[in-house]
Amino acid sequence: MKKLLLLLFGLLALPLVQAQTLQGAWETTETDGNGLVVQHVLIFTDAHFAQAIFVKPSGKFLGTKGGSYLQKNDSLEFTYEFASFNADLVGSNKSEVFELQDNQLELGKLKWTRLDDGTPGDLLGAWLISGRKRDGEIVKRDTSGPRKTMKILSGTRFQWIAYNTETAEFFGTGGGTYTTIDGKYTENIGFFSRDDSRVGASLEFNYELIDGDWHHSGLSSKGDPIYEVWSKRTL
């Protein structure tokens, strides 16, 4: 009886194994017939996703798509808000079967490897720009309209995208890795659709979470002072 009780207590003391989640960043690479290595980085939050495609290691931008998703058993139902290479995809839905095991993801015809699980993730989530400071005052911006600037972050990866869901226009994107240390948010640019020469640059900003909003200030890639407010997406 004593041995049985010890065994039971030992089992109770074991940590619970958490179900794997899609949340975080994933990558896969392909090589074309000319030896060109193409990298895909896919970021999932709890309800939104973005996929970026670029040449490795130069960071030459090739394309991006994303929007929202729902998980239904062993399939994902995607609703596209932007697609740089196919405007007809915007507004459409697509269901794809997936399999997730041991930090390996099979989705569609590609096999993905996990880059992170959303940690450390001070800024994990999908955000919409909701305000800018001008003349010392924060001017709010309506986030419910079709013209959006979204920034989506995992634990270590980020991507921003500017687009219009009504006209299916794509205006630009950029992304790479990021860190948040002691109130400093640092972006390391891995791709930038508007200017390949920016790849490899690092930009440091101040950041603070105030009433759930992300206040972001510093100098832009052009050296101009900025103060932006980003709000978490709910839809």
Protein backbone atom coordinates (compact mmCIF):
# COMPACT_ATOMS: atom_id res chain seq x y z
CA MET A 1 0.00 0.00 0.00
CA LYS A 2 2.83 2.40 0.88
CA LYS A 3 4.49 1.79 -2.50
CA LEU A 4 1.16 2.38 -4.26
CA LEU A 5 0.64 5.69 -2.45
CA LEU A 6 4.16 6.82 -3.32
CA LEU A 7 3.51 5.95 -6.96
CA LEU A 8 0.25 7.90 -6.98
CA PHE A 9 1.86 10.95 -5.37
CA GLY A 10 4.69 10.72 -7.87
CA LEU A 11 2.27 10.72 -10.78
CA LEU A 12 0.40 13.70 -9.35
CA ALA A 13 3.68 15.60 -9.05
CA LEU A 14 4.52 15.18 -12.74
CA PRO A 15 4.03 18.34 -14.82
CA LEU A 16 1.02 18.38 -17.09
CA VAL A 17 1.87 18.05 -20.77
CA GLN A 18 0.31 20.92 -22.69
CA ALA A 19 -1.18 20.36 -26.12
CA GLN A 20 0.93 21.79 -28.90
CA THR A 21 -0.26 25.04 -30.38
CA LEU A 22 0.19 26.65 -33.76
CA GLN A 23 0.91 29.98 -32.11
CA GLY A 24 4.39 31.27 -32.87
CA ALA A 25 6.65 31.39 -35.92
CA TRP A 26 7.47 28.68 -38.45
CA GLU A 27 9.82 28.38 -41.40
CA THR A 28 10.48 26.25 -44.43
CA THR A 29 12.88 26.60 -47.34
CA GLU A 30 12.82 25.58 -50.97
CA THR A 31 15.57 25.51 -53.57
CA ASP A 32 14.82 26.20 -57.23
CA GLY A 33 16.59 24.70 -60.23
CA ASN A 34 19.20 27.46 -60.17
CA GLY A 35 20.19 26.82 -56.56
CA LEU A 36 18.27 29.84 -55.26
CA VAL A 37 17.14 29.29 -51.65
CA VAL A 38 13.68 30.67 -50.91
CA GLN A 39 12.61 31.07 -47.29
CA HIS A 40 9.01 31.10 -46.06
CA VAL A 41 8.25 32.47 -42.58
CA LEU A 42 4.76 31.92 -41.20
CA ILE A 43 3.50 33.66 -38.06
CA PHE A 44 0.39 32.52 -36.19
CA THR A 45 -1.28 34.42 -33.36
CA ASP A 46 -4.48 33.16 -31.75
CA ALA A 47 -6.62 34.30 -34.70
CA HIS A 48 -4.40 35.85 -37.39
CA PHE A 49 -1.53 34.80 -39.62
CA ALA A 50 0.96 36.14 -42.14
CA GLN A 51 3.32 34.35 -44.49
CA ALA A 52 6.35 36.07 -46.01
CA ILE A 53 8.43 34.66 -48.88
CA PHE A 54 11.90 35.97 -49.67
CA VAL A 55 15.29 34.92 -50.97
CA LYS A 56 17.77 33.69 -48.40
CA PRO A 57 20.18 35.18 -47.40
CA SER A 58 19.77 38.37 -49.46
CA GLY A 59 16.25 39.05 -48.18
CA LYS A 60 14.94 39.92 -51.65
CA PHE A 61 11.17 40.07 -51.20
CA LEU A 62 9.06 37.68 -53.31
CA GLY A 63 5.57 37.80 -51.82
CA THR A 64 3.26 37.69 -48.81
CA LYS A 65 -0.28 36.69 -47.87
CA GLY A 66 -2.30 36.54 -44.69
CA GLY A 67 -5.42 37.39 -42.74
CA SER A 68 -7.41 35.44 -40.15
CA TYR A 69 -7.92 31.74 -39.52
CA LEU A 70 -10.01 29.23 -37.59
CA GLN A 71 -8.82 25.82 -36.47
CA LYS A 72 -11.36 23.04 -36.96
CA ASN A 73 -10.04 19.68 -35.77
CA ASP A 74 -7.32 18.73 -38.26
CA SER A 75 -7.94 21.57 -40.73
CA LEU A 76 -7.39 25.31 -40.86
CA GLU A 77 -9.85 27.67 -42.53
CA PHE A 78 -8.05 30.74 -43.83
CA THR A 79 -9.71 34.04 -44.73
CA TYR A 80 -7.34 36.20 -46.78
CA GLU A 81 -7.06 39.94 -46.17
CA PHE A 82 -3.98 40.55 -48.32
CA ALA A 83 -1.98 38.76 -51.01
CA SER A 84 0.76 40.67 -52.77
CA PHE A 85 0.88 38.31 -55.75
CA ASN A 86 -2.82 37.61 -56.30
CA ALA A 87 -5.44 40.26 -55.51
CA ASP A 88 -8.20 37.76 -56.37
CA LEU A 89 -7.28 35.82 -53.21
CA VAL A 90 -8.35 38.73 -50.96
CA GLY A 91 -11.72 38.04 -49.34
CA SER A 92 -11.66 34.35 -50.20
CA ASN A 93 -11.63 31.36 -47.85
CA LYS A 94 -9.45 28.28 -48.14
CA SER A 95 -9.40 25.17 -46.01
CA GLU A 96 -6.19 23.16 -45.60
CA VAL A 97 -5.49 19.97 -43.66
CA PHE A 98 -2.60 20.18 -41.21
CA GLU A 99 -0.66 17.90 -38.91
CA LEU A 100 1.35 19.13 -35.92
CA GLN A 101 3.79 16.88 -34.08
CA ASP A 102 7.03 17.48 -32.19
CA ASN A 103 7.37 21.08 -33.41
CA GLN A 104 6.99 19.98 -37.02
CA LEU A 105 4.03 21.24 -39.03
CA GLU A 106 2.70 19.76 -42.24
CA LEU A 107 0.43 22.25 -43.94
CA GLY A 108 -0.62 22.00 -47.55
CA LYS A 109 2.35 20.68 -49.50
CA LEU A 110 5.00 22.15 -47.20
CA LYS A 111 6.70 20.93 -44.03
CA TRP A 112 7.48 23.65 -41.49
CA THR A 113 9.87 23.79 -38.53
CA ARG A 114 9.00 25.82 -35.44
CA LEU A 115 11.10 28.95 -34.85
CA ASP A 116 9.36 29.89 -31.59
CA ASP A 117 6.18 29.15 -29.63
CA GLY A 118 5.25 32.75 -28.98
CA THR A 119 7.75 33.31 -26.17
CA PRO A 120 9.21 35.48 -24.78
CA GLY A 121 6.52 37.47 -26.58
CA ASP A 122 6.03 40.77 -24.72
CA LEU A 123 4.36 41.94 -27.95
CA LEU A 124 2.95 38.63 -29.17
CA GLY A 125 -0.18 39.22 -31.25
CA ALA A 126 -1.67 41.03 -34.20
CA TRP A 127 -1.78 44.82 -33.89
CA LEU A 128 -3.35 47.63 -35.92
CA ILE A 129 -1.98 51.14 -35.89
CA SER A 130 -4.54 53.22 -33.98
CA GLY A 131 -2.86 56.57 -33.40
CA ARG A 132 0.10 58.89 -33.90
CA LYS A 133 1.41 61.73 -31.79
CA ARG A 134 1.38 65.09 -33.54
CA ASP A 135 2.29 68.39 -31.90
CA GLY A 136 2.33 66.64 -28.54
CA GLU A 137 -1.18 65.20 -28.95
CA ILE A 138 -2.11 61.62 -29.86
CA VAL A 139 -4.38 61.65 -32.91
CA LYS A 140 -6.48 58.50 -32.99
CA ARG A 141 -7.11 56.48 -36.11
CA ASP A 142 -10.15 54.30 -36.86
CA THR A 143 -9.04 50.68 -37.17
CA SER A 144 -12.36 49.36 -38.48
CA GLY A 145 -11.93 50.65 -42.03
CA PRO A 146 -10.60 48.66 -45.01
CA ARG A 147 -7.26 50.50 -45.13
CA LYS A 148 -5.09 48.77 -42.55
CA THR A 149 -1.53 48.72 -41.30
CA MET A 150 -1.05 45.55 -39.30
CA LYS A 151 1.97 44.35 -37.39
CA ILE A 152 2.00 40.68 -36.42
CA LEU A 153 4.52 39.31 -33.92
CA SER A 154 5.44 35.91 -32.54
CA GLY A 155 7.95 35.57 -29.73
CA THR A 156 10.93 36.46 -31.92
CA ARG A 157 9.61 37.37 -35.39
CA PHE A 158 7.69 40.34 -36.73
CA GLN A 159 6.05 41.45 -39.96
CA TRP A 160 4.17 44.64 -40.82
CA ILE A 161 1.78 44.84 -43.75
CA ALA A 162 -0.09 47.80 -45.29
CA TYR A 163 -3.13 46.89 -47.39
CA ASN A 164 -6.77 47.57 -48.26
CA THR A 165 -9.32 44.78 -47.84
CA GLU A 166 -11.92 46.59 -49.95
CA THR A 167 -9.82 47.26 -53.04
CA ALA A 168 -7.44 44.30 -52.48
CA GLU A 169 -4.48 46.70 -52.82
CA PHE A 170 -1.16 45.77 -51.27
CA PHE A 171 1.05 48.73 -50.30
CA GLY A 172 4.12 47.19 -48.68
CA THR A 173 5.59 44.92 -46.03
CA GLY A 174 8.74 44.23 -44.06
CA GLY A 175 9.86 41.92 -41.32
CA GLY A 176 12.54 39.94 -39.60
CA THR A 177 13.50 39.26 -35.98
CA TYR A 178 12.93 41.42 -32.90
CA THR A 179 13.79 41.69 -29.22
CA THR A 180 12.21 43.53 -26.29
CA ILE A 181 14.73 44.31 -23.54
CA ASP A 182 14.46 46.95 -20.80
CA GLY A 183 11.85 49.03 -22.62
CA LYS A 184 13.73 48.86 -25.93
CA TYR A 185 12.16 47.23 -28.98
CA THR A 186 14.75 46.35 -31.63
CA GLU A 187 13.90 45.21 -35.16
CA ASN A 188 16.43 43.37 -37.31
CA ILE A 189 15.23 43.67 -40.89
CA GLY A 190 15.22 40.42 -42.85
CA PHE A 191 13.13 41.59 -45.83
CA PHE A 192 11.57 44.85 -46.99
CA SER A 193 9.39 45.03 -50.09
CA ARG A 194 10.12 48.70 -50.77
CA ASP A 195 13.91 48.72 -50.44
CA ASP A 196 16.16 45.64 -50.42
CA SER A 197 19.09 47.77 -49.29
CA ARG A 198 17.52 48.02 -45.81
CA VAL A 199 17.95 44.28 -45.25
CA GLY A 200 20.41 43.66 -42.43
CA ALA A 201 19.73 46.97 -40.68
CA SER A 202 18.69 47.15 -37.03
CA LEU A 203 16.33 49.78 -35.65
CA GLU A 204 15.88 50.47 -31.93
CA PHE A 205 12.74 52.06 -30.49
CA ASN A 206 11.25 52.77 -27.09
CA TYR A 207 8.16 50.74 -26.28
CA GLU A 208 5.60 50.74 -23.51
CA LEU A 209 2.29 49.01 -22.97
CA ILE A 210 -0.31 51.50 -21.71
CA ASP A 211 -3.88 50.32 -21.06
CA GLY A 212 -3.28 47.42 -23.44
CA ASP A 213 -1.96 49.62 -26.27
CA TRP A 214 1.59 49.49 -27.57
CA HIS A 215 3.28 52.91 -27.60
CA HIS A 216 6.19 52.89 -30.03
CA SER A 217 8.61 55.81 -30.41
CA GLY A 218 11.99 56.60 -31.91
CA LEU A 219 13.36 57.21 -35.40
CA SER A 220 12.02 55.63 -38.58
CA SER A 221 14.22 53.88 -41.17
CA LYS A 222 14.53 57.29 -42.86
CA GLY A 223 15.66 58.95 -39.62
CA ASP A 224 12.40 60.78 -38.98
CA PRO A 225 11.02 60.93 -35.39
CA ILE A 226 7.90 58.84 -34.88
CA TYR A 227 5.46 58.13 -32.08
CA GLU A 228 2.88 55.46 -32.92
CA VAL A 229 0.13 53.75 -30.96
CA TRP A 230 -0.85 50.17 -31.86
CA SER A 231 -3.95 48.35 -30.59
CA LYS A 232 -4.46 44.59 -30.39
CA ARG A 233 -6.76 43.16 -33.02
CA THR A 234 -9.98 41.66 -31.73
CA LEU A 235 -11.41 40.60 -35.09
